[in-house]
Amino acid sequence: MDHCASDGVQSASMDQAVRRSASALKGIVVTQSQETALKNVLLGTLESFVIKCVHLERTVTTVSNDVSVRNQDNRKHATM
């Protein structure tokens, strides 16, 4: 399955999961303070996830740069 088709399948599955969750939550009464607390927890979780992604991206970039430098050094030594 190509990448785009895979994304479509994942998106459809996610849509179904959201619909099931929304259906299960119908009729549940949530107070404003509960809603605010839940939003804060979700935002904190999202923020933590984004920070980890940024850290991972920086790590991958650093490793990639290190490998490039080592490859250049190896080529220099091989031609000497």
Protein backbone atom coordinates (compact mmCIF):
# COMPACT_ATOMS: atom_id res chain seq x y z
CA MET A 1 0.00 0.00 0.00
CA ASP A 2 1.49 3.36 -0.91
CA HIS A 3 1.96 6.14 1.63
CA CYS A 4 -1.06 8.21 0.55
CA ALA A 5 -3.39 5.22 0.59
CA SER A 6 -2.10 4.29 4.02
CA ASP A 7 -2.85 7.80 5.29
CA GLY A 8 -6.40 7.52 3.94
CA VAL A 9 -6.98 4.23 5.75
CA GLN A 10 -5.57 5.63 8.99
CA SER A 11 -7.71 8.75 8.62
CA ALA A 12 -10.87 6.69 8.08
CA SER A 13 -10.09 4.54 11.13
CA MET A 14 -9.47 7.64 13.22
CA ASP A 15 -12.75 9.18 12.02
CA GLN A 16 -14.61 6.02 13.05
CA ALA A 17 -12.93 6.04 16.48
CA VAL A 18 -13.89 9.70 16.98
CA ARG A 19 -17.50 8.97 16.00
CA ARG A 20 -17.69 6.00 18.40
CA SER A 21 -16.19 8.09 21.21
CA ALA A 22 -18.58 10.98 20.55
CA SER A 23 -21.51 8.57 20.49
CA ALA A 24 -20.44 7.05 23.80
CA LEU A 25 -20.16 10.52 25.37
CA LYS A 26 -23.66 11.69 24.36
CA GLY A 27 -25.79 12.48 27.36
CA ILE A 28 -22.87 12.89 29.76
CA VAL A 29 -23.12 16.22 31.55
CA VAL A 30 -19.80 17.93 32.25
CA THR A 31 -19.46 21.00 34.41
CA GLN A 32 -17.50 24.02 33.22
CA SER A 33 -14.74 23.34 35.75
CA GLN A 34 -14.47 19.70 34.60
CA GLU A 35 -14.31 20.82 31.00
CA THR A 36 -11.61 23.37 31.82
CA ALA A 37 -9.62 20.79 33.78
CA LEU A 38 -9.84 18.30 30.91
CA LYS A 39 -8.76 20.94 28.39
CA ASN A 40 -5.79 21.84 30.59
CA VAL A 41 -4.76 18.17 30.85
CA LEU A 42 -5.10 17.69 27.10
CA LEU A 43 -3.17 20.88 26.34
CA GLY A 44 -0.43 19.84 28.77
CA THR A 45 -0.21 16.42 27.13
CA LEU A 46 -0.11 17.99 23.67
CA GLU A 47 2.56 20.48 24.76
CA SER A 48 4.68 17.68 26.20
CA PHE A 49 4.30 15.68 22.99
CA VAL A 50 5.31 18.66 20.84
CA ILE A 51 8.36 19.32 23.03
CA LYS A 52 9.41 15.66 22.67
CA CYS A 53 8.93 15.84 18.89
CA VAL A 54 11.06 18.99 18.66
CA HIS A 55 13.75 17.36 20.80
CA LEU A 56 13.66 14.24 18.63
CA GLU A 57 13.87 16.31 15.45
CA ARG A 58 16.91 18.16 16.83
CA THR A 59 18.54 14.88 17.82
CA VAL A 60 17.96 13.39 14.37
CA THR A 61 19.38 16.54 12.74
CA THR A 62 22.46 16.43 15.00
CA VAL A 63 23.08 12.75 14.29
CA SER A 64 22.58 13.32 10.57
CA ASN A 65 25.08 16.19 10.61
CA ASP A 66 27.57 14.08 12.58
CA VAL A 67 27.27 11.25 10.05
CA SER A 68 27.81 13.70 7.17
CA VAL A 69 30.96 15.07 8.81
CA ARG A 70 32.29 11.56 9.46
CA ASN A 71 31.58 10.55 5.87
CA GLN A 72 33.48 13.58 4.62
CA ASP A 73 36.41 12.76 6.95
CA ASN A 74 36.41 9.15 5.76
CA ARG A 75 36.48 10.28 2.12
CA LYS A 76 39.41 12.61 2.84
CA HIS A 77 41.39 9.80 4.52
CA ALA A 78 40.56 7.39 1.72
CA THR A 79 41.93 9.74 -0.94
CA MET A 80 45.18 10.47 0.91
